[in-house]
Amino acid sequence: MTPTPQPETAPAAGRRPAALPPVPRATWWERRGPVLAVSAWAVSVPLLWLVGALLRYGSDVPLLTGAEPFVGHWVVRTGPGILAAVVLLVAVVRYGPGLAARLPWRVLLLVSWAATAAWAVALAVITSWNELTAPVRGEHEYLPVVPSAAADPAAFLAGFVDHLPDYPIHVRGHPPGLVLLLAVLDRAGLGGPGWATALFVLAGAAAVPAVLVTLRALERGRAGGTTRGAAAEGTARAVVPALVLAPAALWVATSADAFFAGVLAWGVAFLALASRPGNGGTRWVYAVAAGLLLGACPLLSYGLLHMGLIALAPLLLTRRVAPTVGAGAVAAGVVVAAGLGGFWVWDGIAATHAVWAPVGNARPYLYFLLVDLAVLGAITGPAAVGGLTRLRRTGTVTRVVVGLALAAALSGALLGFERGEVERIWLPVAFWVVPAAAGLRAARGDPAGAATTAYGPVPAAWLWAQGGLTILLDTILESPW
């Protein structure tokens, strides 16, 4: 079994430090694998574009919009916003690892949230501020339905399935939860594209601190609550810069799926906190909060049903059943309450399938399976792709969390649920794959001579690649989201 990476610790005065098991010797694949994996991904993108061009030229197979494997168009764009993005990239690479290691935990969570939101906004306004709200103002989005939903939310919920063909494209492909939330905000005087944009960006960026909270809580949960401070935060602190710079930020501003990502992430984070020992009465507060958020997931996006596999991490890692059962009961109550209000999730799935099955089934399965895998690599970034080849060298918590995230994404792709357009659809799982970057850290001995082994930060070269790919895609790919 691979030892969990531990931070350097100073031995108590007069006490001989206990030696940890030696770091396993890197295999040939672990030495060369990161670069080979990223190279294979980089080659796959133009190959998939070429295959798509041939399919479009030689058949009437419905593909995407010409920029396969992505949705959008290959257009070189630049502007003042790119300067802000470059400044943020330099700042995160230069100062991020040090700040992540030193900042107090709660401050780090706030800083990671703010940095992710700033990074996403800087990328979105590459040419003008108008670009930030443009995606939510589209005729196929949610806002055109908000006035009717705000006028009578109960009638909208009860008649949602019956009127599904009359709604814009994105409303037809999702449950009514987000429209109802936007309607509530509208009635509270917070309507319009500006407030919707703020909601999506802030919630999407909040997925990053949620992942950090989950990793830390599960490390402590596996140790029975005895592991505290830096010992429980080593991996979480190490991957902060890679999480902030992940190309997923390109679709955080401004896609509704960013909001879905934040809801799912904090549902899992609260469940992890509920499963951690030593919380006393607050354990059930966390469990109820987790249940409310996880119960809202199938009312926001049907894709969150299989992406919810990530919520099994606290149960698998801590073996504490009661919090998961309690949260599950609350989540079921949320779904039943919506059903009693007139919307049953399975009726919505059936209606949506009837509307979209002809489109999805017309897309070639194998081609879009490869497209989906390529896009998953793109939104998680080179640090995640390279880190997956060294996942064995990370801790158990990281391996389980990343493994569940990959299983959640692959289940949708292999079963044919997602055939393209996944750069936004997979936002709820993307940030859970990025902690694989912890495998890129180099082992190093304690410079004080103690018989312990520590791991350094994620190398700067991988952070440059992570942020560099994000800026590159931002300047050559015009996405509708």
Protein backbone atom coordinates (compact mmCIF):
# COMPACT_ATOMS: atom_id res chain seq x y z
CA MET A 1 0.00 0.00 0.00
CA THR A 2 1.35 3.43 -0.91
CA PRO A 3 1.92 5.62 2.16
CA THR A 4 -0.17 8.76 2.38
CA PRO A 5 2.03 11.79 1.66
CA GLN A 6 2.79 13.64 4.89
CA PRO A 7 4.13 17.15 5.38
CA GLU A 8 7.43 17.80 7.06
CA THR A 9 7.11 17.90 10.81
CA ALA A 10 9.59 18.98 13.42
CA PRO A 11 10.30 16.39 16.14
CA ALA A 12 9.63 17.33 19.75
CA ALA A 13 12.67 18.33 21.77
CA GLY A 14 14.61 15.34 23.00
CA ARG A 15 12.50 12.86 21.06
CA ARG A 16 13.81 10.78 18.18
CA PRO A 17 11.48 11.07 15.17
CA ALA A 18 9.78 7.91 14.04
CA ALA A 19 10.67 6.86 10.53
CA LEU A 20 7.89 6.63 7.97
CA PRO A 21 7.81 3.89 5.36
CA PRO A 22 10.08 4.74 2.42
CA VAL A 23 8.58 6.39 -0.62
CA PRO A 24 7.98 3.71 -3.27
CA ARG A 25 10.45 3.75 -6.12
CA ALA A 26 8.96 5.33 -9.21
CA THR A 27 8.22 2.95 -12.06
CA TRP A 28 9.13 3.76 -15.66
CA TRP A 29 5.50 4.72 -16.31
CA GLU A 30 5.40 7.03 -13.30
CA ARG A 31 8.54 8.80 -14.51
CA ARG A 32 7.52 9.17 -18.14
CA GLY A 33 3.75 8.77 -17.86
CA PRO A 34 2.76 12.38 -17.11
CA VAL A 35 4.40 13.79 -20.23
CA LEU A 36 3.26 10.87 -22.39
CA ALA A 37 -0.35 11.19 -21.18
CA VAL A 38 -0.46 14.93 -21.85
CA SER A 39 1.18 14.41 -25.26
CA ALA A 40 -1.42 11.78 -26.17
CA TRP A 41 -4.20 14.13 -25.14
CA ALA A 42 -2.68 17.01 -27.16
CA VAL A 43 -2.49 14.83 -30.27
CA SER A 44 -6.07 13.61 -29.83
CA VAL A 45 -7.57 17.10 -30.18
CA PRO A 46 -6.50 17.81 -33.81
CA LEU A 47 -7.16 14.17 -34.73
CA LEU A 48 -10.73 14.38 -33.47
CA TRP A 49 -11.18 17.66 -35.31
CA LEU A 50 -9.91 16.03 -38.51
CA VAL A 51 -12.19 13.00 -38.12
CA GLY A 52 -15.10 15.35 -37.46
CA ALA A 53 -14.31 17.33 -40.60
CA LEU A 54 -14.24 14.11 -42.65
CA LEU A 55 -17.53 12.93 -41.15
CA ARG A 56 -19.12 16.29 -41.91
CA TYR A 57 -17.83 16.29 -45.45
CA GLY A 58 -18.67 12.69 -46.30
CA SER A 59 -21.96 12.15 -44.46
CA ASP A 60 -24.94 13.87 -42.92
CA VAL A 61 -24.01 12.81 -39.35
CA PRO A 62 -24.95 15.65 -36.94
CA LEU A 63 -21.82 16.81 -35.15
CA LEU A 64 -21.15 19.98 -33.17
CA THR A 65 -20.20 23.39 -34.52
CA GLY A 66 -16.91 22.89 -36.34
CA ALA A 67 -14.49 23.10 -33.40
CA GLU A 68 -14.64 19.45 -32.39
CA PRO A 69 -14.08 18.12 -29.79
CA PHE A 70 -15.43 21.39 -28.36
CA VAL A 71 -18.62 23.31 -29.00
CA GLY A 72 -17.83 26.64 -30.61
CA HIS A 73 -15.68 28.04 -33.38
CA TRP A 74 -11.92 28.36 -33.88
CA VAL A 75 -11.46 32.12 -33.82
CA VAL A 76 -8.42 34.02 -32.59
CA ARG A 77 -9.57 36.59 -30.01
CA THR A 78 -7.63 38.97 -27.84
CA GLY A 79 -8.21 42.12 -25.87
CA PRO A 80 -7.56 43.91 -22.56
CA GLY A 81 -8.95 41.00 -20.55
CA ILE A 82 -6.05 38.81 -21.57
CA LEU A 83 -3.67 41.04 -19.60
CA ALA A 84 -5.64 40.46 -16.40
CA ALA A 85 -5.62 36.72 -17.04
CA VAL A 86 -1.85 36.68 -17.58
CA VAL A 87 -1.26 38.69 -14.41
CA LEU A 88 -3.40 36.28 -12.42
CA LEU A 89 -1.59 33.30 -13.93
CA VAL A 90 1.82 34.70 -12.98
CA ALA A 91 0.62 35.55 -9.48
CA VAL A 92 -0.86 32.10 -8.83
CA VAL A 93 2.20 30.24 -10.13
CA ARG A 94 4.65 32.51 -8.32
CA TYR A 95 2.91 32.97 -4.99
CA GLY A 96 0.13 30.39 -4.92
CA PRO A 97 2.04 27.37 -3.55
CA GLY A 98 3.60 29.40 -0.75
CA LEU A 99 0.33 31.05 0.27
CA ALA A 100 -1.50 27.73 0.10
CA ALA A 101 1.03 26.24 2.51
CA ARG A 102 1.00 29.14 4.99
CA LEU A 103 -2.43 30.77 5.09
CA PRO A 104 -4.81 29.84 7.91
CA TRP A 105 -7.28 27.23 6.69
CA ARG A 106 -10.41 29.38 6.60
CA VAL A 107 -8.55 32.24 4.96
CA LEU A 108 -7.23 29.83 2.34
CA LEU A 109 -10.78 28.72 1.52
CA LEU A 110 -11.89 32.31 0.96
CA VAL A 111 -8.79 33.15 -1.07
CA SER A 112 -9.18 30.07 -3.29
CA TRP A 113 -12.83 30.99 -3.90
CA ALA A 114 -12.02 34.61 -4.75
CA ALA A 115 -9.05 33.63 -6.95
CA THR A 116 -11.13 31.11 -8.93
CA ALA A 117 -13.92 33.64 -9.45
CA ALA A 118 -11.45 36.34 -10.54
CA TRP A 119 -9.71 33.91 -12.92
CA ALA A 120 -13.05 32.89 -14.47
CA VAL A 121 -14.21 36.49 -14.90
CA ALA A 122 -10.87 37.60 -16.40
CA LEU A 123 -11.11 34.79 -18.95
CA ALA A 124 -14.72 35.65 -19.78
CA VAL A 125 -14.12 39.35 -20.47
CA ILE A 126 -11.19 38.82 -22.80
CA THR A 127 -12.54 41.37 -25.31
CA SER A 128 -15.29 43.22 -23.41
CA TRP A 129 -17.41 43.19 -20.25
CA ASN A 130 -20.43 42.42 -22.41
CA GLU A 131 -19.08 38.89 -22.89
CA LEU A 132 -19.58 38.07 -19.23
CA THR A 133 -23.39 38.12 -19.37
CA ALA A 134 -23.78 37.18 -23.05
CA PRO A 135 -24.22 33.42 -22.43
CA VAL A 136 -27.15 33.87 -20.01
CA ARG A 137 -28.88 36.32 -22.35
CA GLY A 138 -29.26 33.80 -25.16
CA GLU A 139 -32.67 32.85 -26.49
CA HIS A 140 -32.01 29.18 -25.69
CA GLU A 141 -31.23 29.84 -22.03
CA TYR A 142 -33.27 29.97 -18.82
CA LEU A 143 -34.08 33.67 -18.44
CA PRO A 144 -36.80 33.83 -21.13
CA VAL A 145 -38.94 31.47 -19.02
CA VAL A 146 -38.40 33.27 -15.70
CA PRO A 147 -41.25 35.83 -16.04
CA SER A 148 -43.92 33.15 -16.44
CA ALA A 149 -42.41 31.04 -13.66
CA ALA A 150 -42.23 34.06 -11.34
CA ALA A 151 -45.88 34.89 -12.01
CA ASP A 152 -47.06 31.49 -10.73
CA PRO A 153 -44.27 29.18 -9.50
CA ALA A 154 -46.67 26.42 -8.38
CA ALA A 155 -48.41 26.28 -11.77
CA PHE A 156 -45.05 26.29 -13.56
CA LEU A 157 -43.81 23.34 -11.49
CA ALA A 158 -47.00 21.34 -11.90
CA GLY A 159 -47.22 21.91 -15.65
CA PHE A 160 -43.52 21.70 -16.45
CA VAL A 161 -43.55 18.28 -18.10
CA ASP A 162 -46.69 18.98 -20.12
CA HIS A 163 -45.30 22.21 -21.54
CA LEU A 164 -41.73 20.95 -22.02
CA PRO A 165 -41.72 21.17 -25.86
CA ASP A 166 -42.63 24.86 -25.64
CA TYR A 167 -39.58 25.88 -23.63
CA PRO A 168 -36.11 27.02 -24.82
CA ILE A 169 -33.51 24.34 -25.53
CA HIS A 170 -31.69 24.40 -22.19
CA VAL A 171 -34.93 24.40 -20.21
CA ARG A 172 -36.11 21.39 -22.20
CA GLY A 173 -32.94 19.52 -21.29
CA HIS A 174 -33.12 20.12 -17.54
CA PRO A 175 -35.50 19.86 -14.58
CA PRO A 176 -37.33 23.04 -13.46
CA GLY A 177 -35.21 23.73 -10.36
CA LEU A 178 -32.96 26.46 -11.74
CA VAL A 179 -35.82 28.33 -13.41
CA LEU A 180 -37.71 28.33 -10.11
CA LEU A 181 -34.64 29.61 -8.26
CA LEU A 182 -34.17 32.40 -10.79
CA ALA A 183 -37.90 33.18 -10.47
CA VAL A 184 -37.54 33.49 -6.69
CA LEU A 185 -34.60 35.85 -7.15
CA ASP A 186 -36.61 37.83 -9.69
CA ARG A 187 -39.49 38.26 -7.25
CA ALA A 188 -36.97 39.41 -4.64
CA GLY A 189 -35.72 42.14 -7.00
CA LEU A 190 -32.60 40.22 -8.07
CA GLY A 191 -33.67 39.30 -11.58
CA GLY A 192 -31.95 39.74 -14.90
CA PRO A 193 -28.71 38.54 -16.52
CA GLY A 194 -26.42 40.39 -14.13
CA TRP A 195 -27.67 38.62 -11.02
CA ALA A 196 -27.84 35.27 -12.83
CA THR A 197 -24.22 35.72 -13.91
CA ALA A 198 -23.15 36.53 -10.36
CA LEU A 199 -24.98 33.44 -9.09
CA PHE A 200 -23.31 31.13 -11.61
CA VAL A 201 -19.79 32.51 -11.17
CA LEU A 202 -19.83 32.60 -7.37
CA ALA A 203 -21.39 29.14 -7.05
CA GLY A 204 -19.08 27.62 -9.66
CA ALA A 205 -15.98 29.11 -8.02
CA ALA A 206 -17.22 27.83 -4.65
CA ALA A 207 -16.67 24.27 -5.91
CA VAL A 208 -12.93 24.75 -5.32
CA PRO A 209 -13.10 25.37 -1.54
CA ALA A 210 -15.73 22.61 -1.33
CA VAL A 211 -13.23 20.12 -2.77
CA LEU A 212 -10.61 21.32 -0.30
CA VAL A 213 -13.00 20.97 2.64
CA THR A 214 -13.90 17.46 1.52
CA LEU A 215 -10.29 16.30 1.19
CA ARG A 216 -9.38 17.65 4.63
CA ALA A 217 -12.49 16.28 6.36
CA LEU A 218 -12.05 12.82 4.86
CA GLU A 219 -8.37 12.70 5.82
CA ARG A 220 -9.37 13.44 9.40
CA GLY A 221 -12.30 11.04 9.20
CA ARG A 222 -10.08 8.15 8.16
CA ALA A 223 -7.73 8.92 11.04
CA GLY A 224 -10.60 8.83 13.56
CA GLY A 225 -10.36 12.55 14.13
CA THR A 226 -6.81 12.33 15.50
CA THR A 227 -5.13 13.84 12.46
CA ARG A 228 -5.19 17.60 12.72
CA GLY A 229 -3.76 20.71 11.18
CA ALA A 230 -1.22 20.40 8.38
CA ALA A 231 -1.19 16.60 8.59
CA ALA A 232 -4.79 16.49 7.36
CA GLU A 233 -4.41 19.34 4.87
CA GLY A 234 -1.26 18.37 2.97
CA THR A 235 -2.88 17.23 -0.27
CA ALA A 236 -5.62 19.87 -0.17
CA ARG A 237 -3.13 22.71 0.24
CA ALA A 238 -0.83 21.30 -2.44
CA VAL A 239 -3.48 21.21 -5.17
CA VAL A 240 -4.99 24.67 -4.58
CA PRO A 241 -3.07 26.39 -7.44
CA ALA A 242 -3.93 23.57 -9.88
CA LEU A 243 -7.60 23.82 -8.92
CA VAL A 244 -7.70 27.59 -9.33
CA LEU A 245 -5.99 27.49 -12.75
CA ALA A 246 -7.99 24.55 -14.14
CA PRO A 247 -9.40 25.21 -17.64
CA ALA A 248 -12.84 24.41 -16.22
CA ALA A 249 -12.87 28.11 -15.23
CA LEU A 250 -13.56 28.91 -18.90
CA TRP A 251 -17.07 27.56 -18.42
CA VAL A 252 -17.59 28.77 -14.86
CA ALA A 253 -18.33 32.20 -16.36
CA THR A 254 -21.00 31.89 -17.47
CA SER A 255 -22.71 28.49 -17.55
CA ALA A 256 -25.59 27.25 -15.42
CA ASP A 257 -23.65 24.02 -14.99
CA ALA A 258 -21.18 26.00 -12.87
CA PHE A 259 -24.03 26.56 -10.41
CA PHE A 260 -24.81 22.83 -10.51
CA ALA A 261 -21.13 22.11 -9.78
CA GLY A 262 -21.20 24.31 -6.69
CA VAL A 263 -24.38 22.73 -5.33
CA LEU A 264 -23.08 19.17 -5.76
CA ALA A 265 -19.63 20.04 -4.39
CA TRP A 266 -20.96 21.59 -1.19
CA GLY A 267 -23.44 18.75 -0.75
CA VAL A 268 -20.50 16.34 -0.76
CA ALA A 269 -18.43 18.66 1.47
CA PHE A 270 -21.17 18.88 4.11
CA LEU A 271 -21.57 15.11 4.00
CA ALA A 272 -17.82 14.72 4.54
CA LEU A 273 -18.02 17.06 7.53
CA ALA A 274 -20.97 15.09 8.90
CA SER A 275 -18.96 11.87 8.56
CA ARG A 276 -15.97 13.25 10.44
CA PRO A 277 -15.79 12.25 14.13
CA GLY A 278 -15.75 14.83 16.87
CA ASN A 279 -18.41 17.15 15.49
CA GLY A 280 -20.95 16.44 18.21
CA GLY A 281 -24.39 17.85 17.54
CA THR A 282 -23.24 19.76 14.47
CA ARG A 283 -22.85 16.44 12.66
CA TRP A 284 -26.59 16.31 12.01
CA VAL A 285 -26.70 19.94 10.97
CA TYR A 286 -24.11 19.10 8.33
CA ALA A 287 -26.04 15.96 7.34
CA VAL A 288 -29.27 17.92 6.86
CA ALA A 289 -27.45 20.60 4.83
CA ALA A 290 -25.90 17.85 2.69
CA GLY A 291 -29.30 16.24 2.17
CA LEU A 292 -30.93 19.50 1.10
CA LEU A 293 -28.20 20.25 -1.45
CA LEU A 294 -27.92 16.70 -2.78
CA GLY A 295 -31.71 16.46 -2.95
CA ALA A 296 -31.76 19.62 -5.04
CA CYS A 297 -29.31 18.11 -7.56
CA PRO A 298 -31.82 15.97 -9.53
CA LEU A 299 -34.13 19.01 -9.64
CA LEU A 300 -31.34 21.04 -11.30
CA SER A 301 -29.78 18.59 -13.76
CA TYR A 302 -30.52 14.97 -14.61
CA GLY A 303 -26.80 14.46 -15.18
CA LEU A 304 -26.20 15.01 -11.47
CA LEU A 305 -27.90 11.68 -10.79
CA HIS A 306 -24.91 9.67 -12.00
CA MET A 307 -22.42 12.39 -11.10
CA GLY A 308 -23.70 11.99 -7.55
CA LEU A 309 -21.43 8.93 -7.30
CA ILE A 310 -18.95 11.37 -5.76
CA ALA A 311 -21.22 11.58 -2.70
CA LEU A 312 -20.26 7.98 -1.86
CA ALA A 313 -16.73 9.09 -0.93
CA PRO A 314 -17.51 9.88 2.75
CA LEU A 315 -19.20 6.51 3.26
CA LEU A 316 -16.46 4.53 1.52
CA LEU A 317 -13.62 6.29 3.30
CA THR A 318 -14.97 6.73 6.83
CA ARG A 319 -17.35 3.72 6.99
CA ARG A 320 -19.78 5.89 8.98
CA VAL A 321 -23.22 4.93 7.71
CA ALA A 322 -25.52 7.11 9.82
CA PRO A 323 -24.62 10.51 8.26
CA THR A 324 -25.06 9.18 4.73
CA VAL A 325 -28.39 7.54 5.60
CA GLY A 326 -29.60 10.74 7.29
CA ALA A 327 -28.56 12.91 4.36
CA GLY A 328 -30.11 10.42 1.95
CA ALA A 329 -33.43 10.58 3.81
CA VAL A 330 -33.45 14.39 3.60
CA ALA A 331 -32.52 14.27 -0.10
CA ALA A 332 -35.36 11.83 -0.78
CA GLY A 333 -37.71 14.18 1.07
CA VAL A 334 -36.72 17.05 -1.23
CA VAL A 335 -37.43 14.96 -4.33
CA VAL A 336 -40.77 13.75 -2.95
CA ALA A 337 -41.77 17.30 -2.01
CA ALA A 338 -41.18 18.37 -5.62
CA GLY A 339 -43.24 15.39 -6.77
CA LEU A 340 -46.13 16.35 -4.53
CA GLY A 341 -45.88 19.81 -6.04
CA GLY A 342 -46.43 18.31 -9.48
CA PHE A 343 -42.97 17.38 -10.78
CA TRP A 344 -41.70 13.84 -10.43
CA VAL A 345 -38.09 13.45 -11.51
CA TRP A 346 -38.69 10.22 -13.45
CA ASP A 347 -41.50 11.88 -15.44
CA GLY A 348 -39.11 14.69 -16.32
CA ILE A 349 -36.45 12.21 -17.42
CA ALA A 350 -38.93 10.38 -19.64
CA ALA A 351 -40.18 13.59 -21.23
CA THR A 352 -36.67 14.93 -21.81
CA HIS A 353 -35.56 11.61 -23.28
CA ALA A 354 -38.47 11.70 -25.72
CA VAL A 355 -37.44 15.18 -26.85
CA TRP A 356 -33.67 14.66 -27.11
CA ALA A 357 -33.22 10.94 -27.85
CA PRO A 358 -33.46 11.40 -31.64
CA VAL A 359 -30.68 14.04 -31.56
CA GLY A 360 -28.39 12.03 -29.27
CA ASN A 361 -28.92 8.71 -31.04
CA ALA A 362 -28.02 10.28 -34.38
CA ARG A 363 -24.56 11.13 -33.13
CA PRO A 364 -22.01 8.30 -33.61
CA TYR A 365 -21.37 6.60 -30.27
CA LEU A 366 -17.67 5.75 -30.60
CA TYR A 367 -16.66 9.12 -32.01
CA PHE A 368 -18.40 11.05 -29.25
CA LEU A 369 -17.05 8.72 -26.59
CA LEU A 370 -13.55 9.79 -27.66
CA VAL A 371 -14.70 13.41 -27.89
CA ASP A 372 -16.00 13.27 -24.33
CA LEU A 373 -12.71 11.84 -23.02
CA ALA A 374 -10.69 14.51 -24.81
CA VAL A 375 -12.86 17.27 -23.38
CA LEU A 376 -12.57 15.79 -19.89
CA GLY A 377 -8.80 16.08 -20.23
CA ALA A 378 -9.15 19.65 -21.46
CA ILE A 379 -11.34 20.97 -18.66
CA THR A 380 -9.29 19.32 -15.89
CA GLY A 381 -5.99 20.45 -17.41
CA PRO A 382 -2.49 19.01 -17.98
CA ALA A 383 -1.74 18.81 -14.25
CA ALA A 384 -4.71 16.50 -13.74
CA VAL A 385 -4.02 14.43 -16.87
CA GLY A 386 -0.38 14.00 -15.92
CA GLY A 387 -1.20 13.36 -12.28
CA LEU A 388 -3.53 10.49 -13.16
CA THR A 389 -0.50 8.47 -14.25
CA ARG A 390 0.91 8.84 -10.72
CA LEU A 391 -2.32 8.42 -8.82
CA ARG A 392 -0.80 5.42 -7.02
CA ARG A 393 1.56 7.78 -5.24
CA THR A 394 -1.23 9.87 -3.70
CA GLY A 395 -3.17 9.13 -0.53
CA THR A 396 -6.19 6.88 -0.26
CA VAL A 397 -8.59 9.82 0.04
CA THR A 398 -7.32 11.38 -3.18
CA ARG A 399 -7.46 8.08 -5.04
CA VAL A 400 -11.05 7.39 -3.99
CA VAL A 401 -12.30 10.91 -4.71
CA VAL A 402 -10.63 11.08 -8.12
CA GLY A 403 -11.71 7.52 -8.93
CA LEU A 404 -15.36 8.26 -8.15
CA ALA A 405 -15.25 11.45 -10.23
CA LEU A 406 -13.83 9.55 -13.20
CA ALA A 407 -16.41 6.79 -12.75
CA ALA A 408 -19.19 9.40 -12.68
CA ALA A 409 -18.00 10.99 -15.92
CA LEU A 410 -17.26 7.71 -17.70
CA SER A 411 -20.61 6.21 -16.76
CA GLY A 412 -22.39 8.97 -18.64
CA ALA A 413 -20.07 8.69 -21.63
CA LEU A 414 -20.05 4.88 -21.87
CA LEU A 415 -23.81 4.62 -21.50
CA GLY A 416 -24.27 7.22 -24.21
CA PHE A 417 -25.98 9.77 -21.95
CA GLU A 418 -23.53 12.48 -22.99
CA ARG A 419 -22.52 12.76 -26.61
CA GLY A 420 -20.61 15.97 -26.94
CA GLU A 421 -21.19 19.40 -25.33
CA VAL A 422 -19.61 18.05 -22.13
CA GLU A 423 -17.22 20.92 -21.43
CA ARG A 424 -20.07 22.47 -19.41
CA ILE A 425 -21.96 19.26 -18.56
CA TRP A 426 -18.91 17.80 -16.80
CA LEU A 427 -18.16 20.86 -14.69
CA PRO A 428 -19.67 19.13 -11.61
CA VAL A 429 -17.02 16.38 -11.81
CA ALA A 430 -14.08 18.34 -13.25
CA PHE A 431 -12.82 19.89 -10.01
CA TRP A 432 -12.89 16.47 -8.31
CA VAL A 433 -10.43 15.06 -10.87
CA VAL A 434 -7.87 17.87 -10.46
CA PRO A 435 -6.55 16.62 -7.05
CA ALA A 436 -4.81 13.89 -9.08
CA ALA A 437 -2.19 16.61 -9.62
CA ALA A 438 -0.92 15.76 -6.14
CA GLY A 439 0.80 12.75 -7.72
CA LEU A 440 3.16 15.11 -9.53
CA ARG A 441 4.77 16.26 -6.31
CA ALA A 442 8.34 15.15 -5.81
CA ALA A 443 9.37 13.33 -2.64
CA ARG A 444 12.06 15.04 -0.65
CA GLY A 445 13.90 14.31 2.57
CA ASP A 446 13.61 16.43 5.66
CA PRO A 447 16.41 19.00 5.38
CA ALA A 448 16.78 18.95 9.16
CA GLY A 449 17.87 15.33 8.97
CA ALA A 450 14.76 13.85 10.57
CA ALA A 451 13.89 10.34 9.46
CA THR A 452 10.73 11.44 7.68
CA THR A 453 9.86 11.94 4.08
CA ALA A 454 7.88 14.90 2.76
CA TYR A 455 6.40 15.94 -0.56
CA GLY A 456 6.95 19.28 -2.23
CA PRO A 457 4.31 21.36 -4.02
CA VAL A 458 2.98 20.65 -7.49
CA PRO A 459 5.91 21.70 -9.74
CA ALA A 460 5.64 25.16 -11.26
CA ALA A 461 6.04 23.75 -14.79
CA TRP A 462 2.74 21.91 -14.41
CA LEU A 463 1.01 25.02 -13.07
CA TRP A 464 2.27 27.01 -16.06
CA ALA A 465 0.87 24.30 -18.32
CA GLN A 466 -2.43 24.32 -16.42
CA GLY A 467 -2.94 28.06 -16.74
CA GLY A 468 -1.30 28.32 -20.15
CA LEU A 469 -3.72 25.85 -21.71
CA THR A 470 -6.61 27.81 -20.21
CA ILE A 471 -5.45 31.07 -21.76
CA LEU A 472 -4.69 29.36 -25.07
CA LEU A 473 -8.18 27.91 -25.32
CA ASP A 474 -9.66 31.25 -24.34
CA THR A 475 -7.88 33.01 -27.20
CA ILE A 476 -8.55 30.49 -29.99
CA LEU A 477 -11.95 29.00 -29.07
CA GLU A 478 -15.15 31.01 -29.13
CA SER A 479 -17.61 29.05 -26.98
CA PRO A 480 -21.34 29.80 -26.63
CA TRP A 481 -20.94 29.27 -22.87
